[in-house]
Structures are given as C-alpha cells and as structure tokens.
Amino acid sequence: MAKKSRNEEKFNYGESIRRLRQDGPQRLYLIWGPEDYLAEQYLAELRKLCVTNEADDFSYRKIGERDFSALALTEAIDSVPFLSERSLVEVRGVDLNKLEQADDVMKAISDIPDYCTVAFLCEAGFEPDKRLKLFKTFAKSGVEIHVTAQLSDALIKWIVKRFAAQGKSIELSAAQRLITVSGELMSRLIPEINKIAAYAKGEKVTVEDVNAVAHHIPEAVVFDMTECMARGEYNAAMSLLGELLDDKNNEPIMILAVLGNQMRQLYTASVAVQSGLGKDYLMKTCSIRYDFVASKLINSARKFNQAQLRRAVELCAETDYAMKSSRTEPKELLKECIMRIAADEIYE
C-alpha cells in the first residue's frame, strides 16, 4: 500500500514552483526523490527561468554520469553565458554518495558565480548519505528539492486532469482505486491512465475499468489477498499468490516482505480500533500518506482479531528467517506461511 518513510517531509510541488518563480533561480540545487516525473517538471521550470530558447552551449551545459568529473563541472561553471542572463549546468545520474573527487566537487559548488545555476538531478532510487561532507556543502550553499509522491488531494486532481485531457471523467472511488493498485508515482500512473482511458467505453471511468486493465503492484495484490483471507476465501487468496509468483520480477522474499508489512499495518489498525486511538494514530505510526488507505486498513482489520494478526506477524518473521537460513525452496516456505495464516493456527 502507498506509504512514506517516517522522516520523509511532504513535498508540495505547487508551492515549490511558486517559490521558485518568486525568488528566482539560486546558484545550487540538489533534486532527488522517488517522484521522477515531478523532478523533471521542476527542472524544466528551472531551465526556463535560467536560459532562453536561443541559449547556446556556453549558457546551457549538460553533464551525464559518463562525462562527469570535477574538472568538467568546474569548466561548465566557469563558462560565461551568451544570449542569456544566466547559465545553467545540469548534472544527471551521478551517484553523489560514491564520488572519487568529492573534495574537488565541494570546492567547485562552493564558489559558483552569481550568474550561474548548477542543478544535480539524481536517479529516482538515489538517497543522499547526509553524513558525507559533500551533502553538508549542499545544505550550506544550495537548495534541496526532495521530490516525493503528492498527497491525496493533489494527486487525485492531477489524475482527473490527465483523464480530462483524453475526454474522460473519473469517479473519486476509481481514482482512489487506481492509486491503490498502481501506486502513487506519476511516472507509473501516466501509462496506466492512457490504457484505462482507451479501454473505458463510457465517458466516466469506473472502478471496474481500473480493475480490468491497470497494472497491479505487489502491495495491491497482497492487500487483496489478505482481504480474501479475512472473508474466508482461501482459494481466491492462493490464486492471487499464484499470480504474484508467476511474475518473474517478484521474488518470494520480496512478496513475504510486502505481506509482513501488510500484517503489521493490519495489527496496528486493530490496536488503533480497540484502543480508541483512531485513524490518525494508524497513519502516523505506519507512515500512511492517504486517508482512504488508512480507512481500508481499519475496515479490513475489523475482520480479524488482534491475536490472529499478532500471530500472522510472527509467522512472517519466522518465514523470513527460514528463507535466509534453510535450504527449503522459498516459494514453498511462502505458500506454507500463507496457509498457516489462513489455517486454524490463526483463525478461531
């Protein structure tokens, strides 16, 4: 299910763009985070503010991972803009945690001329090691743009606009289902929106349309699987597990990790319900971004009792240990774990 890390701050794209336009380009940017679509959008806006369409290679320099060095960066920074008031140096795909010339790079980004902007755009899976001196230099001299997935209202508005551009409207429940089954990242949602818009027969996109053609991420399939178990539909649960295992991209240990996280969330939801702590407690404790996801977890948790969920969490942990320490086939261990969760060992 969609969630964020506990220390992840909420990124407001609209406010960030408004501030960029108001304050103008700064000298140094570090742009990183999982939402690569918005990272590209932010960089495009920065580019428009820095250089004109007529700007040449003196004003706009792009450095990729293969071409990057402290010398190449320094030379690009020192290039005086031509046909533009500013110059922009765009550095892409460089693993800043493993720089061999980190000291020279720190020196270069600590002395950027007033007319120059340097923007480092990191890969979607990159996370800076804030213990390194390099990132302390970024913190002192630059602007950090941590591009995370958007909150529910902003993301749903964006989904509605994408469908409207293709002549379709979408029900709120269908938009929420799309986020649930395909994830919260815009770059992943765009092809799903295109598929659904082409598939939907009517003007309004429904939950059924989403379920029919949208790609289901493992977290969504595991959630549906636990829902089946809660309703006593064990054959359906095992069928969903089979679908996950048939996809060669899904390793059993990864599926188990998703299942374990799902069971921990359900257990926390059960605690929240029985203790009267409510949805806010669940969202804070499990770092859940979306209100409708928390509501679904609470509704699902009510179908179990707390002892059952606690034992399910223990079974996932025991199976994880077995996968890492025994010679038993991981697929068989995963299947056994699911069957034990669905068996009388857990249920009354």
Protein backbone atom coordinates (compact mmCIF):
# COMPACT_ATOMS: atom_id res chain seq x y z
CA MET A 1 0.00 0.00 0.00
CA ALA A 2 1.05 3.58 -0.56
CA LYS A 3 3.18 4.88 2.26
CA LYS A 4 6.11 7.12 3.00
CA SER A 5 9.13 6.81 5.22
CA ARG A 6 8.78 8.20 8.70
CA ASN A 7 11.24 11.03 8.19
CA GLU A 8 10.00 11.99 4.75
CA GLU A 9 8.67 15.53 4.59
CA LYS A 10 5.63 16.26 2.48
CA PHE A 11 6.59 17.82 -0.85
CA ASN A 12 4.23 20.48 -2.16
CA TYR A 13 5.02 20.82 -5.84
CA GLY A 14 2.78 23.82 -6.46
CA GLU A 15 4.26 25.76 -3.56
CA SER A 16 7.80 24.87 -4.63
CA ILE A 17 7.19 26.20 -8.15
CA ARG A 18 5.56 29.35 -6.79
CA ARG A 19 8.59 29.96 -4.56
CA LEU A 20 10.99 29.29 -7.45
CA ARG A 21 9.25 31.83 -9.66
CA GLN A 22 9.07 34.37 -6.85
CA ASP A 23 12.67 34.09 -5.63
CA GLY A 24 14.26 33.29 -8.98
CA PRO A 25 16.96 30.68 -9.65
CA GLN A 26 19.51 30.10 -6.91
CA ARG A 27 23.09 29.01 -7.51
CA LEU A 28 22.88 25.35 -6.48
CA TYR A 29 20.16 22.69 -6.42
CA LEU A 30 20.06 19.06 -5.32
CA ILE A 31 16.95 17.42 -6.79
CA TRP A 32 16.28 13.87 -5.62
CA GLY A 33 13.46 11.56 -4.61
CA PRO A 34 11.16 8.85 -5.96
CA GLU A 35 8.78 11.10 -7.92
CA ASP A 36 10.91 11.42 -11.06
CA TYR A 37 8.05 12.94 -13.11
CA LEU A 38 7.82 15.96 -10.81
CA ALA A 39 11.62 16.15 -10.60
CA GLU A 40 11.73 16.56 -14.38
CA GLN A 41 8.92 19.13 -14.25
CA TYR A 42 10.75 21.15 -11.61
CA LEU A 43 13.99 21.05 -13.60
CA ALA A 44 12.14 22.14 -16.75
CA GLU A 45 10.74 25.16 -14.89
CA LEU A 46 14.19 25.99 -13.55
CA ARG A 47 15.61 25.73 -17.07
CA LYS A 48 13.01 28.19 -18.43
CA LEU A 49 13.95 30.72 -15.77
CA CYS A 50 17.68 30.38 -16.35
CA VAL A 51 18.19 30.24 -20.11
CA THR A 52 16.36 31.37 -23.24
CA ASN A 53 15.48 29.19 -26.21
CA GLU A 54 18.35 30.81 -28.12
CA ALA A 55 20.92 29.98 -25.46
CA ASP A 56 23.96 28.06 -26.74
CA ASP A 57 26.37 25.60 -25.17
CA PHE A 58 28.04 28.38 -23.21
CA SER A 59 24.79 29.09 -21.34
CA TYR A 60 23.38 25.59 -21.01
CA ARG A 61 25.69 22.68 -20.17
CA LYS A 62 24.52 19.10 -19.59
CA ILE A 63 26.81 16.59 -17.88
CA GLY A 64 25.90 12.91 -17.59
CA GLU A 65 27.36 10.17 -15.45
CA ARG A 66 29.87 9.11 -18.12
CA ASP A 67 31.16 12.63 -18.73
CA PHE A 68 31.19 13.80 -15.13
CA SER A 69 34.36 14.88 -13.36
CA ALA A 70 35.31 17.70 -11.04
CA LEU A 71 37.18 19.33 -13.93
CA ALA A 72 34.20 19.10 -16.31
CA LEU A 73 31.97 20.59 -13.61
CA THR A 74 34.39 23.44 -12.91
CA GLU A 75 34.77 24.28 -16.60
CA ALA A 76 30.99 24.31 -17.07
CA ILE A 77 30.53 26.59 -14.07
CA ASP A 78 33.20 28.99 -15.33
CA SER A 79 31.59 29.31 -18.80
CA VAL A 80 30.17 32.81 -19.23
CA PRO A 81 26.55 32.86 -20.52
CA PHE A 82 25.87 34.01 -24.07
CA LEU A 83 22.46 35.22 -25.33
CA SER A 84 21.16 34.66 -21.82
CA GLU A 85 21.43 36.44 -18.47
CA ARG A 86 22.25 33.21 -16.65
CA SER A 87 23.96 29.93 -17.34
CA LEU A 88 22.65 26.54 -16.28
CA VAL A 89 24.74 23.46 -15.57
CA GLU A 90 22.59 20.32 -15.44
CA VAL A 91 24.20 17.23 -13.91
CA ARG A 92 22.26 13.97 -14.29
CA GLY A 93 22.54 10.48 -12.88
CA VAL A 94 25.73 10.91 -10.86
CA ASP A 95 25.94 8.82 -7.67
CA LEU A 96 26.97 11.56 -5.27
CA ASN A 97 27.47 9.06 -2.45
CA LYS A 98 30.43 7.49 -4.30
CA LEU A 99 32.35 10.42 -5.78
CA GLU A 100 36.07 9.85 -6.02
CA GLN A 101 36.73 13.60 -6.39
CA ALA A 102 34.35 14.75 -3.68
CA ASP A 103 36.74 17.39 -2.29
CA ASP A 104 37.20 18.99 -5.73
CA VAL A 105 33.44 18.90 -6.36
CA MET A 106 32.82 20.56 -2.98
CA LYS A 107 35.27 23.28 -3.94
CA ALA A 108 33.52 23.83 -7.28
CA ILE A 109 29.99 24.10 -5.85
CA SER A 110 31.15 26.33 -3.01
CA ASP A 111 32.28 29.02 -5.47
CA ILE A 112 29.51 29.30 -8.09
CA PRO A 113 29.29 32.75 -9.78
CA ASP A 114 26.15 34.84 -9.34
CA TYR A 115 25.19 34.32 -12.98
CA CYS A 116 25.33 30.51 -12.82
CA THR A 117 22.91 27.84 -11.58
CA VAL A 118 24.05 24.25 -11.04
CA ALA A 119 21.35 21.59 -10.72
CA PHE A 120 22.10 17.99 -9.76
CA LEU A 121 19.25 15.67 -10.77
CA CYS A 122 19.62 12.26 -9.13
CA GLU A 123 18.15 8.92 -10.16
CA ALA A 124 14.75 8.04 -8.67
CA GLY A 125 16.21 5.37 -6.37
CA PHE A 126 19.01 7.58 -5.04
CA GLU A 127 19.07 8.76 -1.41
CA PRO A 128 21.85 11.09 -0.22
CA ASP A 129 24.07 9.98 2.63
CA LYS A 130 23.73 13.09 4.78
CA ARG A 131 26.75 12.08 6.86
CA LEU A 132 29.09 12.95 3.99
CA LYS A 133 30.79 16.35 3.86
CA LEU A 134 29.54 16.81 0.29
CA PHE A 135 25.93 16.99 1.41
CA LYS A 136 26.79 19.37 4.22
CA THR A 137 28.15 21.61 1.47
CA PHE A 138 24.89 21.24 -0.44
CA ALA A 139 22.96 22.11 2.72
CA LYS A 140 25.09 25.21 3.29
CA SER A 141 25.34 26.51 -0.26
CA GLY A 142 22.28 25.20 -2.09
CA VAL A 143 18.59 24.31 -2.21
CA GLU A 144 17.48 20.72 -1.63
CA ILE A 145 14.38 19.61 -3.54
CA HIS A 146 13.22 16.28 -2.16
CA VAL A 147 10.59 15.23 -4.66
CA THR A 148 8.17 12.81 -3.01
CA ALA A 149 4.81 11.49 -4.14
CA GLN A 150 1.99 14.01 -3.78
CA LEU A 151 -0.67 13.98 -1.10
CA SER A 152 -4.10 12.59 -1.87
CA ASP A 153 -5.94 15.76 -2.95
CA ALA A 154 -3.17 16.98 -5.25
CA LEU A 155 -2.64 13.55 -6.80
CA ILE A 156 -6.34 12.96 -7.42
CA LYS A 157 -6.70 16.41 -9.02
CA TRP A 158 -3.80 15.56 -11.32
CA ILE A 159 -5.37 12.21 -12.23
CA VAL A 160 -8.66 13.95 -13.03
CA LYS A 161 -6.84 16.44 -15.29
CA ARG A 162 -4.99 13.66 -17.12
CA PHE A 163 -8.24 11.84 -17.85
CA ALA A 164 -9.97 15.10 -18.84
CA ALA A 165 -7.24 15.71 -21.43
CA GLN A 166 -8.38 12.44 -23.04
CA GLY A 167 -12.05 13.34 -22.92
CA LYS A 168 -12.86 11.24 -19.84
CA SER A 169 -14.02 11.90 -16.31
CA ILE A 170 -13.27 9.57 -13.42
CA GLU A 171 -15.17 8.69 -10.27
CA LEU A 172 -13.44 9.51 -6.96
CA SER A 173 -13.56 5.85 -5.95
CA ALA A 174 -11.95 4.88 -9.27
CA ALA A 175 -9.15 7.44 -8.82
CA GLN A 176 -8.51 6.11 -5.31
CA ARG A 177 -8.51 2.54 -6.63
CA LEU A 178 -6.00 3.49 -9.33
CA ILE A 179 -3.63 4.87 -6.69
CA THR A 180 -4.14 1.74 -4.58
CA VAL A 181 -3.46 -0.77 -7.35
CA SER A 182 -0.83 1.06 -9.44
CA GLY A 183 0.98 3.16 -6.84
CA GLU A 184 1.34 6.85 -6.20
CA LEU A 185 4.17 7.81 -8.57
CA MET A 186 3.06 9.88 -11.53
CA SER A 187 5.54 8.36 -13.96
CA ARG A 188 3.95 4.96 -13.30
CA LEU A 189 0.40 6.29 -13.39
CA ILE A 190 0.68 8.01 -16.78
CA PRO A 191 0.76 4.79 -18.87
CA GLU A 192 -1.99 3.30 -16.71
CA ILE A 193 -4.19 6.36 -17.27
CA ASN A 194 -3.59 6.10 -21.01
CA LYS A 195 -4.56 2.41 -21.01
CA ILE A 196 -7.67 2.94 -18.93
CA ALA A 197 -8.83 5.94 -20.98
CA ALA A 198 -8.51 3.88 -24.17
CA TYR A 199 -10.30 0.91 -22.59
CA ALA A 200 -13.23 2.67 -20.88
CA LYS A 201 -16.36 2.54 -23.05
CA GLY A 202 -18.27 5.28 -21.31
CA GLU A 203 -17.38 8.91 -20.66
CA LYS A 204 -16.84 8.20 -16.95
CA VAL A 205 -14.07 5.85 -15.79
CA THR A 206 -15.23 3.40 -13.12
CA VAL A 207 -13.59 1.15 -10.56
CA GLU A 208 -14.35 -1.78 -12.87
CA ASP A 209 -12.38 -0.11 -15.68
CA VAL A 210 -9.40 0.35 -13.37
CA ASN A 211 -9.53 -3.24 -12.13
CA ALA A 212 -9.79 -4.55 -15.68
CA VAL A 213 -6.63 -3.06 -17.20
CA ALA A 214 -4.48 -1.24 -14.63
CA HIS A 215 -1.20 -2.86 -13.60
CA HIS A 216 -1.45 -4.14 -10.02
CA ILE A 217 1.67 -3.60 -7.94
CA PRO A 218 2.58 -6.39 -5.47
CA GLU A 219 1.40 -4.32 -2.49
CA ALA A 220 -2.06 -4.07 -4.02
CA VAL A 221 -2.26 -7.80 -4.80
CA VAL A 222 -1.15 -8.68 -1.25
CA PHE A 223 -3.80 -6.34 0.17
CA ASP A 224 -6.47 -8.07 -1.96
CA MET A 225 -5.07 -11.42 -0.82
CA THR A 226 -5.44 -10.55 2.87
CA GLU A 227 -8.96 -9.29 2.15
CA CYS A 228 -9.79 -12.70 0.69
CA MET A 229 -8.40 -14.41 3.80
CA ALA A 230 -10.46 -12.11 6.03
CA ARG A 231 -13.59 -13.23 4.16
CA GLY A 232 -12.59 -16.88 4.37
CA GLU A 233 -11.96 -17.10 0.60
CA TYR A 234 -8.77 -19.12 0.85
CA ASN A 235 -8.78 -20.48 -2.70
CA ALA A 236 -9.02 -16.93 -4.05
CA ALA A 237 -6.15 -15.87 -1.77
CA MET A 238 -3.93 -18.69 -3.03
CA SER A 239 -4.87 -17.83 -6.62
CA LEU A 240 -3.64 -14.27 -6.07
CA LEU A 241 -0.44 -15.63 -4.55
CA GLY A 242 0.00 -17.75 -7.67
CA GLU A 243 -0.32 -14.64 -9.84
CA LEU A 244 2.42 -12.95 -7.84
CA LEU A 245 4.73 -15.94 -8.09
CA ASP A 246 4.11 -16.32 -11.83
CA ASP A 247 5.67 -12.88 -12.34
CA LYS A 248 9.43 -13.47 -12.54
CA ASN A 249 10.04 -9.95 -11.23
CA ASN A 250 8.54 -10.94 -7.87
CA GLU A 251 10.97 -12.86 -5.68
CA PRO A 252 9.35 -14.84 -2.82
CA ILE A 253 11.35 -12.94 -0.20
CA MET A 254 10.09 -9.64 -1.62
CA ILE A 255 6.47 -10.88 -1.56
CA LEU A 256 7.00 -12.00 2.03
CA ALA A 257 8.33 -8.56 2.97
CA VAL A 258 5.22 -6.95 1.49
CA LEU A 259 2.99 -9.45 3.29
CA GLY A 260 4.80 -8.84 6.59
CA ASN A 261 4.38 -5.10 6.23
CA GLN A 262 0.68 -5.57 5.42
CA MET A 263 0.16 -7.71 8.52
CA ARG A 264 1.97 -5.19 10.72
CA GLN A 265 -0.25 -2.44 9.37
CA LEU A 266 -3.37 -4.52 10.00
CA TYR A 267 -2.20 -5.29 13.52
CA THR A 268 -1.58 -1.59 14.16
CA ALA A 269 -5.02 -0.79 12.75
CA SER A 270 -6.53 -3.34 15.14
CA VAL A 271 -4.71 -1.71 18.07
CA ALA A 272 -5.95 1.70 16.94
CA VAL A 273 -9.55 0.47 16.80
CA GLN A 274 -9.55 -1.38 20.12
CA SER A 275 -7.69 1.39 21.96
CA GLY A 276 -9.85 4.18 20.54
CA LEU A 277 -6.78 5.87 19.03
CA GLY A 278 -8.37 6.22 15.60
CA LYS A 279 -7.17 6.68 12.08
CA ASP A 280 -4.66 9.46 12.84
CA TYR A 281 -2.70 7.12 15.09
CA LEU A 282 -2.57 4.49 12.36
CA MET A 283 -1.44 6.97 9.71
CA LYS A 284 1.29 8.40 11.95
CA THR A 285 2.56 5.06 13.25
CA CYS A 286 2.65 3.34 9.86
CA SER A 287 3.57 6.47 7.87
CA ILE A 288 0.50 6.11 5.67
CA ARG A 289 0.06 9.03 3.30
CA TYR A 290 -3.56 8.64 2.21
CA ASP A 291 -6.66 8.82 4.38
CA PHE A 292 -8.60 6.38 2.19
CA VAL A 293 -5.84 3.78 2.52
CA ALA A 294 -6.00 4.03 6.32
CA SER A 295 -9.78 3.64 6.18
CA LYS A 296 -9.44 0.45 4.13
CA LEU A 297 -6.91 -0.95 6.59
CA ILE A 298 -9.19 -0.26 9.55
CA ASN A 299 -12.16 -1.87 7.83
CA SER A 300 -10.06 -4.92 6.97
CA ALA A 301 -8.58 -5.17 10.47
CA ARG A 302 -12.06 -5.38 11.96
CA LYS A 303 -12.49 -8.74 10.21
CA PHE A 304 -9.63 -10.24 12.24
CA ASN A 305 -8.98 -10.36 15.96
CA GLN A 306 -5.82 -8.88 17.41
CA ALA A 307 -4.29 -12.19 18.49
CA GLN A 308 -4.69 -13.57 14.97
CA LEU A 309 -2.93 -10.60 13.44
CA ARG A 310 -0.13 -10.70 16.02
CA ARG A 311 0.50 -14.36 15.20
CA ALA A 312 0.44 -13.55 11.46
CA VAL A 313 3.21 -11.00 12.03
CA GLU A 314 5.20 -13.63 13.93
CA LEU A 315 4.73 -16.17 11.13
CA CYS A 316 6.05 -13.71 8.55
CA ALA A 317 9.13 -13.08 10.70
CA GLU A 318 9.70 -16.83 11.20
CA THR A 319 9.35 -17.45 7.47
CA ASP A 320 11.78 -14.67 6.67
CA TYR A 321 14.36 -16.30 8.93
CA ALA A 322 13.70 -19.70 7.34
CA MET A 323 14.17 -18.30 3.83
CA LYS A 324 17.54 -16.88 4.81
CA SER A 325 18.81 -19.84 6.82
CA SER A 326 17.33 -23.06 5.41
CA ARG A 327 17.65 -24.89 2.12
CA THR A 328 13.90 -25.18 1.63
CA GLU A 329 12.57 -23.66 -1.59
CA PRO A 330 11.48 -20.05 -0.80
CA LYS A 331 8.25 -20.45 -2.80
CA GLU A 332 7.25 -23.40 -0.66
CA LEU A 333 8.02 -21.52 2.54
CA LEU A 334 5.92 -18.59 1.36
CA LYS A 335 2.98 -20.84 0.46
CA GLU A 336 3.24 -22.56 3.84
CA CYS A 337 3.23 -19.18 5.59
CA ILE A 338 0.06 -18.12 3.77
CA MET A 339 -1.66 -21.42 4.53
CA ARG A 340 -0.73 -21.16 8.22
CA ILE A 341 -2.08 -17.63 8.37
CA ALA A 342 -5.30 -18.90 6.80
CA ALA A 343 -5.47 -22.03 9.00
CA ASP A 344 -6.89 -22.77 12.44
CA GLU A 345 -3.49 -21.81 13.91
CA ILE A 346 -4.64 -18.21 13.40
CA TYR A 347 -8.39 -18.28 12.99
CA GLU A 348 -10.93 -19.32 15.56
